[in-house]
């Protein structure tokens, strides 16, 4: 542990964002809601923090789409020029969106994978969009551009910052590993597929303690190479 700590003195903070996988849903029997949780035992952010003696912020929210994950990361990083930050993002499904509502003065979450659970007119509109206009290839390339710009921004704020990316649910982005600090899960491209193969998921399909420990080790190995 002492060796790892000495290798990571360069960084001041670990910041993580994603959907329910990063949030830590189902760990310790917890069914998590629509907000971040500052501390959850056995979650990968807490494991890394304990192993390498670095503070963390886990900003993940269940059901978040990639646009929300990226937006909140921009908002967090913009005022952290004095900090050397490790940013870890777990990418969500391509059918999850957020739309700004001037009526409610906030972003509204549209999770089309649970479309049948909500029959509001706006959800019907989003269902029509997915059916007739959604194109997976273009969504993947758009995500690649957005992550490329985010990585450049993170570095512009502090050149010692690092972005680490993995996929919780987003398939078809294996080529991202050529442009980012990208985590693969053995032969699997998503954390979800790895969990299903190794039957390490909980009833609702989320990673268990063993899987969170595995992810923490992969992240630490990347950080060691950057210090």
C-alpha atoms as a PDB file:
ATOM      1  CA  UNK A   1       0.000   0.000   0.000  1.00  0.00           C
ATOM      2  CA  UNK A   2       2.827   2.397   0.823  1.00  0.00           C
ATOM      3  CA  UNK A   3       4.252   2.025  -2.688  1.00  0.00           C
ATOM      4  CA  UNK A   4       0.916   2.873  -4.262  1.00  0.00           C
ATOM      5  CA  UNK A   5       0.446   5.897  -2.001  1.00  0.00           C
ATOM      6  CA  UNK A   6       3.868   7.290  -2.915  1.00  0.00           C
ATOM      7  CA  UNK A   7       3.086   6.859  -6.617  1.00  0.00           C
ATOM      8  CA  UNK A   8      -0.177   8.797  -6.338  1.00  0.00           C
ATOM      9  CA  UNK A   9       0.888  11.858  -4.357  1.00  0.00           C
ATOM     10  CA  UNK A  10       0.607  13.814  -7.594  1.00  0.00           C
ATOM     11  CA  UNK A  11      -3.194  13.761  -7.477  1.00  0.00           C
ATOM     12  CA  UNK A  12      -5.352  15.683  -5.017  1.00  0.00           C
ATOM     13  CA  UNK A  13      -8.790  14.291  -5.784  1.00  0.00           C
ATOM     14  CA  UNK A  14     -10.671  11.418  -7.428  1.00  0.00           C
ATOM     15  CA  UNK A  15     -13.905  12.440  -9.186  1.00  0.00           C
ATOM     16  CA  UNK A  16     -16.292   9.786 -10.540  1.00  0.00           C
ATOM     17  CA  UNK A  17     -19.510  10.071 -12.524  1.00  0.00           C
ATOM     18  CA  UNK A  18     -21.852   7.685 -14.280  1.00  0.00           C
ATOM     19  CA  UNK A  19     -25.182   5.925 -13.872  1.00  0.00           C
ATOM     20  CA  UNK A  20     -26.318   3.441 -11.201  1.00  0.00           C
ATOM     21  CA  UNK A  21     -23.281   1.208 -11.787  1.00  0.00           C
ATOM     22  CA  UNK A  22     -20.910   3.983 -10.673  1.00  0.00           C
ATOM     23  CA  UNK A  23     -23.422   5.177  -8.082  1.00  0.00           C
ATOM     24  CA  UNK A  24     -23.154   1.806  -6.339  1.00  0.00           C
ATOM     25  CA  UNK A  25     -26.737   0.650  -6.624  1.00  0.00           C
ATOM     26  CA  UNK A  26     -27.495  -2.615  -4.787  1.00  0.00           C
ATOM     27  CA  UNK A  27     -24.231  -2.608  -2.858  1.00  0.00           C
ATOM     28  CA  UNK A  28     -24.917  -3.621   0.743  1.00  0.00           C
ATOM     29  CA  UNK A  29     -28.565  -4.158  -0.184  1.00  0.00           C
ATOM     30  CA  UNK A  30     -29.158  -0.492  -1.015  1.00  0.00           C
ATOM     31  CA  UNK A  31     -31.706   0.482  -3.656  1.00  0.00           C
ATOM     32  CA  UNK A  32     -30.453   3.962  -4.541  1.00  0.00           C
ATOM     33  CA  UNK A  33     -32.535   6.869  -5.735  1.00  0.00           C
ATOM     34  CA  UNK A  34     -32.154   9.870  -7.987  1.00  0.00           C
ATOM     35  CA  UNK A  35     -29.230  11.567  -6.255  1.00  0.00           C
ATOM     36  CA  UNK A  36     -25.507  11.068  -5.597  1.00  0.00           C
ATOM     37  CA  UNK A  37     -24.389   9.325  -2.403  1.00  0.00           C
ATOM     38  CA  UNK A  38     -21.322  10.635  -0.616  1.00  0.00           C
ATOM     39  CA  UNK A  39     -20.300   7.292   0.893  1.00  0.00           C
ATOM     40  CA  UNK A  40     -21.201   3.674   0.141  1.00  0.00           C
ATOM     41  CA  UNK A  41     -19.161   0.825   1.556  1.00  0.00           C
ATOM     42  CA  UNK A  42     -17.485  -1.479  -0.979  1.00  0.00           C
ATOM     43  CA  UNK A  43     -17.878   0.971  -3.879  1.00  0.00           C
ATOM     44  CA  UNK A  44     -14.834   1.345  -6.135  1.00  0.00           C
ATOM     45  CA  UNK A  45     -14.321   5.035  -5.290  1.00  0.00           C
ATOM     46  CA  UNK A  46     -14.212   4.257  -1.589  1.00  0.00           C
ATOM     47  CA  UNK A  47     -11.891   1.293  -2.197  1.00  0.00           C
ATOM     48  CA  UNK A  48      -9.444   3.439  -4.186  1.00  0.00           C
ATOM     49  CA  UNK A  49      -9.589   6.227  -1.615  1.00  0.00           C
ATOM     50  CA  UNK A  50      -8.706   3.836   1.189  1.00  0.00           C
ATOM     51  CA  UNK A  51      -5.937   2.099  -0.740  1.00  0.00           C
ATOM     52  CA  UNK A  52      -4.142   5.197  -1.998  1.00  0.00           C
ATOM     53  CA  UNK A  53      -5.151   7.771   0.615  1.00  0.00           C
ATOM     54  CA  UNK A  54      -6.858  10.206  -1.761  1.00  0.00           C
ATOM     55  CA  UNK A  55     -10.202  12.006  -1.220  1.00  0.00           C
ATOM     56  CA  UNK A  56     -12.999  11.266  -3.656  1.00  0.00           C
ATOM     57  CA  UNK A  57     -16.318  12.625  -4.894  1.00  0.00           C
ATOM     58  CA  UNK A  58     -18.767  10.174  -6.456  1.00  0.00           C
ATOM     59  CA  UNK A  59     -21.285  12.267  -8.385  1.00  0.00           C
ATOM     60  CA  UNK A  60     -23.110   9.419 -10.148  1.00  0.00           C
ATOM     61  CA  UNK A  61     -26.914   9.252 -10.321  1.00  0.00           C
ATOM     62  CA  UNK A  62     -28.975   6.231 -11.307  1.00  0.00           C
ATOM     63  CA  UNK A  63     -30.413   6.375 -14.821  1.00  0.00           C
ATOM     64  CA  UNK A  64     -28.087   9.153 -15.982  1.00  0.00           C
ATOM     65  CA  UNK A  65     -27.318   9.413 -19.672  1.00  0.00           C
ATOM     66  CA  UNK A  66     -23.952  10.307 -21.132  1.00  0.00           C
ATOM     67  CA  UNK A  67     -24.967  13.894 -21.821  1.00  0.00           C
ATOM     68  CA  UNK A  68     -25.722  14.407 -18.128  1.00  0.00           C
ATOM     69  CA  UNK A  69     -22.524  12.651 -17.056  1.00  0.00           C
ATOM     70  CA  UNK A  70     -20.428  14.890 -19.322  1.00  0.00           C
ATOM     71  CA  UNK A  71     -22.298  18.089 -18.393  1.00  0.00           C
ATOM     72  CA  UNK A  72     -21.889  17.561 -14.653  1.00  0.00           C
ATOM     73  CA  UNK A  73     -18.199  16.774 -15.138  1.00  0.00           C
ATOM     74  CA  UNK A  74     -17.656  20.076 -16.952  1.00  0.00           C
ATOM     75  CA  UNK A  75     -19.453  21.885 -14.124  1.00  0.00           C
ATOM     76  CA  UNK A  76     -17.304  20.194 -11.514  1.00  0.00           C
ATOM     77  CA  UNK A  77     -13.935  20.684 -13.209  1.00  0.00           C
ATOM     78  CA  UNK A  78     -14.316  24.363 -14.125  1.00  0.00           C
ATOM     79  CA  UNK A  79     -13.568  25.605 -10.598  1.00  0.00           C
ATOM     80  CA  UNK A  80     -10.837  23.085  -9.764  1.00  0.00           C
ATOM     81  CA  UNK A  81      -7.779  24.682 -11.388  1.00  0.00           C
ATOM     82  CA  UNK A  82      -5.836  24.412  -8.122  1.00  0.00           C
ATOM     83  CA  UNK A  83      -6.538  20.667  -7.850  1.00  0.00           C
ATOM     84  CA  UNK A  84      -4.924  17.762  -9.685  1.00  0.00           C
ATOM     85  CA  UNK A  85      -7.918  15.568 -10.413  1.00  0.00           C
ATOM     86  CA  UNK A  86      -8.388  12.001 -11.632  1.00  0.00           C
ATOM     87  CA  UNK A  87     -11.722  11.933 -13.487  1.00  0.00           C
ATOM     88  CA  UNK A  88     -13.330   8.496 -13.880  1.00  0.00           C
ATOM     89  CA  UNK A  89     -16.416   8.200 -16.085  1.00  0.00           C
ATOM     90  CA  UNK A  90     -18.582   5.096 -16.506  1.00  0.00           C
ATOM     91  CA  UNK A  91     -20.530   5.546 -19.744  1.00  0.00           C
ATOM     92  CA  UNK A  92     -24.243   4.815 -19.715  1.00  0.00           C
ATOM     93  CA  UNK A  93     -26.694   3.556 -22.342  1.00  0.00           C
ATOM     94  CA  UNK A  94     -27.218   5.416 -25.613  1.00  0.00           C
ATOM     95  CA  UNK A  95     -30.995   5.558 -25.071  1.00  0.00           C
ATOM     96  CA  UNK A  96     -30.747   7.839 -22.050  1.00  0.00           C
ATOM     97  CA  UNK A  97     -31.105  11.580 -22.516  1.00  0.00           C
ATOM     98  CA  UNK A  98     -31.677  14.806 -20.667  1.00  0.00           C
ATOM     99  CA  UNK A  99     -33.584  17.798 -22.027  1.00  0.00           C
ATOM    100  CA  UNK A 100     -33.656  21.299 -20.600  1.00  0.00           C
ATOM    101  CA  UNK A 101     -37.170  22.409 -19.640  1.00  0.00           C
ATOM    102  CA  UNK A 102     -37.780  26.177 -19.499  1.00  0.00           C
ATOM    103  CA  UNK A 103     -41.106  25.406 -17.803  1.00  0.00           C
ATOM    104  CA  UNK A 104     -39.543  23.541 -14.876  1.00  0.00           C
ATOM    105  CA  UNK A 105     -36.230  25.438 -15.083  1.00  0.00           C
ATOM    106  CA  UNK A 106     -34.250  22.215 -14.872  1.00  0.00           C
ATOM    107  CA  UNK A 107     -33.010  19.252 -16.884  1.00  0.00           C
ATOM    108  CA  UNK A 108     -35.495  16.427 -17.310  1.00  0.00           C
ATOM    109  CA  UNK A 109     -34.289  12.827 -17.552  1.00  0.00           C
ATOM    110  CA  UNK A 110     -35.587  10.557 -20.310  1.00  0.00           C
ATOM    111  CA  UNK A 111     -34.629   6.924 -19.918  1.00  0.00           C
ATOM    112  CA  UNK A 112     -35.949   5.177 -22.999  1.00  0.00           C
ATOM    113  CA  UNK A 113     -34.892   1.754 -21.743  1.00  0.00           C
ATOM    114  CA  UNK A 114     -37.738   2.204 -19.230  1.00  0.00           C
ATOM    115  CA  UNK A 115     -40.029   3.862 -21.735  1.00  0.00           C
ATOM    116  CA  UNK A 116     -42.946   1.576 -20.971  1.00  0.00           C
ATOM    117  CA  UNK A 117     -42.998   2.835 -17.388  1.00  0.00           C
ATOM    118  CA  UNK A 118     -44.013   6.354 -18.365  1.00  0.00           C
ATOM    119  CA  UNK A 119     -46.714   7.409 -20.841  1.00  0.00           C
ATOM    120  CA  UNK A 120     -46.382  11.197 -20.580  1.00  0.00           C
ATOM    121  CA  UNK A 121     -46.554  13.173 -23.858  1.00  0.00           C
ATOM    122  CA  UNK A 122     -42.860  14.060 -23.644  1.00  0.00           C
ATOM    123  CA  UNK A 123     -41.927  10.416 -23.263  1.00  0.00           C
ATOM    124  CA  UNK A 124     -44.107   9.599 -26.266  1.00  0.00           C
ATOM    125  CA  UNK A 125     -42.205  12.240 -28.202  1.00  0.00           C
ATOM    126  CA  UNK A 126     -38.898  10.711 -27.195  1.00  0.00           C
ATOM    127  CA  UNK A 127     -40.149   7.265 -28.162  1.00  0.00           C
ATOM    128  CA  UNK A 128     -40.975   8.576 -31.620  1.00  0.00           C
ATOM    129  CA  UNK A 129     -37.498  10.093 -31.878  1.00  0.00           C
ATOM    130  CA  UNK A 130     -35.836   6.800 -30.956  1.00  0.00           C
ATOM    131  CA  UNK A 131     -37.995   4.852 -33.411  1.00  0.00           C
ATOM    132  CA  UNK A 132     -37.488   7.065 -36.443  1.00  0.00           C
ATOM    133  CA  UNK A 133     -34.424   9.257 -35.913  1.00  0.00           C
ATOM    134  CA  UNK A 134     -32.086   7.577 -33.430  1.00  0.00           C
ATOM    135  CA  UNK A 135     -28.966   6.194 -35.112  1.00  0.00           C
ATOM    136  CA  UNK A 136     -26.540   4.241 -32.932  1.00  0.00           C
ATOM    137  CA  UNK A 137     -23.472   4.878 -35.087  1.00  0.00           C
ATOM    138  CA  UNK A 138     -24.001   8.644 -35.083  1.00  0.00           C
ATOM    139  CA  UNK A 139     -24.675   8.612 -31.338  1.00  0.00           C
ATOM    140  CA  UNK A 140     -21.397   6.776 -30.741  1.00  0.00           C
ATOM    141  CA  UNK A 141     -19.404   9.209 -32.876  1.00  0.00           C
ATOM    142  CA  UNK A 142     -21.107  12.150 -31.154  1.00  0.00           C
ATOM    143  CA  UNK A 143     -20.127  10.660 -27.792  1.00  0.00           C
ATOM    144  CA  UNK A 144     -16.537  10.279 -29.007  1.00  0.00           C
ATOM    145  CA  UNK A 145     -16.404  13.956 -30.007  1.00  0.00           C
ATOM    146  CA  UNK A 146     -17.886  15.060 -26.688  1.00  0.00           C
ATOM    147  CA  UNK A 147     -15.389  13.006 -24.684  1.00  0.00           C
ATOM    148  CA  UNK A 148     -12.515  14.306 -26.807  1.00  0.00           C
ATOM    149  CA  UNK A 149     -13.573  17.889 -26.056  1.00  0.00           C
ATOM    150  CA  UNK A 150     -14.075  17.074 -22.372  1.00  0.00           C
ATOM    151  CA  UNK A 151     -10.614  15.534 -22.150  1.00  0.00           C
ATOM    152  CA  UNK A 152      -9.083  18.626 -23.764  1.00  0.00           C
ATOM    153  CA  UNK A 153     -10.962  20.862 -21.321  1.00  0.00           C
ATOM    154  CA  UNK A 154      -9.900  18.802 -18.305  1.00  0.00           C
ATOM    155  CA  UNK A 155      -6.278  19.150 -19.435  1.00  0.00           C
ATOM    156  CA  UNK A 156      -6.676  22.883 -20.125  1.00  0.00           C
ATOM    157  CA  UNK A 157      -7.780  23.480 -16.549  1.00  0.00           C
ATOM    158  CA  UNK A 158      -4.762  21.587 -15.196  1.00  0.00           C
ATOM    159  CA  UNK A 159      -2.381  19.665 -17.422  1.00  0.00           C
ATOM    160  CA  UNK A 160      -1.762  17.130 -14.641  1.00  0.00           C
ATOM    161  CA  UNK A 161      -5.419  16.083 -14.656  1.00  0.00           C
ATOM    162  CA  UNK A 162      -6.311  12.697 -16.142  1.00  0.00           C
ATOM    163  CA  UNK A 163      -9.512  11.299 -17.638  1.00  0.00           C
ATOM    164  CA  UNK A 164     -10.230   7.563 -17.324  1.00  0.00           C
ATOM    165  CA  UNK A 165     -13.153   6.111 -19.283  1.00  0.00           C
ATOM    166  CA  UNK A 166     -14.964   2.784 -19.176  1.00  0.00           C
ATOM    167  CA  UNK A 167     -18.359   1.565 -20.332  1.00  0.00           C
ATOM    168  CA  UNK A 168     -20.982   0.468 -17.858  1.00  0.00           C
ATOM    169  CA  UNK A 169     -23.694  -0.105 -20.460  1.00  0.00           C
ATOM    170  CA  UNK A 170     -22.604   1.446 -23.762  1.00  0.00           C
ATOM    171  CA  UNK A 171     -21.783  -1.144 -26.445  1.00  0.00           C
ATOM    172  CA  UNK A 172     -19.860  -0.511 -29.650  1.00  0.00           C
ATOM    173  CA  UNK A 173     -17.220   1.899 -28.355  1.00  0.00           C
ATOM    174  CA  UNK A 174     -14.182  -0.378 -28.198  1.00  0.00           C
ATOM    175  CA  UNK A 175     -12.312   1.965 -30.554  1.00  0.00           C
ATOM    176  CA  UNK A 176     -12.401   4.631 -27.831  1.00  0.00           C
ATOM    177  CA  UNK A 177      -9.448   2.874 -26.199  1.00  0.00           C
ATOM    178  CA  UNK A 178      -7.194   4.360 -28.881  1.00  0.00           C
ATOM    179  CA  UNK A 179      -7.866   7.928 -27.700  1.00  0.00           C
ATOM    180  CA  UNK A 180      -8.486   7.707 -23.947  1.00  0.00           C
ATOM    181  CA  UNK A 181      -7.293   5.978 -20.810  1.00  0.00           C
ATOM    182  CA  UNK A 182      -9.866   3.296 -21.524  1.00  0.00           C
ATOM    183  CA  UNK A 183     -10.701   0.251 -19.397  1.00  0.00           C
ATOM    184  CA  UNK A 184     -11.723  -3.071 -20.901  1.00  0.00           C
ATOM    185  CA  UNK A 185     -13.085  -5.912 -18.775  1.00  0.00           C
ATOM    186  CA  UNK A 186     -11.052  -8.868 -20.000  1.00  0.00           C
ATOM    187  CA  UNK A 187     -12.597  -9.723 -23.388  1.00  0.00           C
ATOM    188  CA  UNK A 188     -15.745  -7.750 -22.571  1.00  0.00           C
ATOM    189  CA  UNK A 189     -16.260  -4.139 -23.605  1.00  0.00           C
ATOM    190  CA  UNK A 190     -18.804  -3.266 -20.905  1.00  0.00           C
ATOM    191  CA  UNK A 191     -18.909  -3.737 -17.157  1.00  0.00           C
ATOM    192  CA  UNK A 192     -22.451  -5.031 -17.555  1.00  0.00           C
ATOM    193  CA  UNK A 193     -21.375  -7.856 -19.910  1.00  0.00           C
ATOM    194  CA  UNK A 194     -18.502  -8.801 -17.613  1.00  0.00           C
ATOM    195  CA  UNK A 195     -20.856  -9.038 -14.628  1.00  0.00           C
ATOM    196  CA  UNK A 196     -23.332 -11.191 -16.509  1.00  0.00           C
ATOM    197  CA  UNK A 197     -20.645 -13.574 -17.732  1.00  0.00           C
ATOM    198  CA  UNK A 198     -19.158 -13.996 -14.287  1.00  0.00           C
ATOM    199  CA  UNK A 199     -22.576 -13.927 -12.597  1.00  0.00           C
ATOM    200  CA  UNK A 200     -21.339 -11.297 -10.171  1.00  0.00           C
ATOM    201  CA  UNK A 201     -24.357  -9.029 -10.540  1.00  0.00           C
ATOM    202  CA  UNK A 202     -27.116  -8.566  -8.008  1.00  0.00           C
ATOM    203  CA  UNK A 203     -30.786  -9.264  -8.647  1.00  0.00           C
ATOM    204  CA  UNK A 204     -31.211  -5.961 -10.475  1.00  0.00           C
ATOM    205  CA  UNK A 205     -28.112  -6.532 -12.583  1.00  0.00           C
ATOM    206  CA  UNK A 206     -25.670  -4.205 -10.811  1.00  0.00           C
ATOM    207  CA  UNK A 207     -22.055  -5.036  -9.926  1.00  0.00           C
ATOM    208  CA  UNK A 208     -21.354  -6.563  -6.520  1.00  0.00           C
ATOM    209  CA  UNK A 209     -18.444  -6.010  -4.115  1.00  0.00           C
ATOM    210  CA  UNK A 210     -16.132  -8.355  -6.023  1.00  0.00           C
ATOM    211  CA  UNK A 211     -16.735  -6.460  -9.257  1.00  0.00           C
ATOM    212  CA  UNK A 212     -16.127  -3.070  -7.606  1.00  0.00           C
ATOM    213  CA  UNK A 213     -12.800  -4.356  -6.233  1.00  0.00           C
ATOM    214  CA  UNK A 214     -11.841  -5.540  -9.715  1.00  0.00           C
ATOM    215  CA  UNK A 215     -12.617  -2.112 -11.209  1.00  0.00           C
ATOM    216  CA  UNK A 216     -10.656  -0.321  -8.484  1.00  0.00           C
ATOM    217  CA  UNK A 217      -7.559  -2.386  -9.300  1.00  0.00           C
ATOM    218  CA  UNK A 218      -7.830  -1.551 -13.004  1.00  0.00           C
ATOM    219  CA  UNK A 219      -8.135   2.167 -12.247  1.00  0.00           C
ATOM    220  CA  UNK A 220      -5.167   2.137  -9.873  1.00  0.00           C
ATOM    221  CA  UNK A 221      -2.993   0.447 -12.520  1.00  0.00           C
ATOM    222  CA  UNK A 222      -3.795   3.219 -15.001  1.00  0.00           C
ATOM    223  CA  UNK A 223      -3.071   5.914 -12.426  1.00  0.00           C
ATOM    224  CA  UNK A 224       0.285   4.336 -11.567  1.00  0.00           C
ATOM    225  CA  UNK A 225       1.329   4.589 -15.211  1.00  0.00           C
ATOM    226  CA  UNK A 226       0.474   8.304 -15.217  1.00  0.00           C
ATOM    227  CA  UNK A 227       2.493   9.225 -12.122  1.00  0.00           C
END
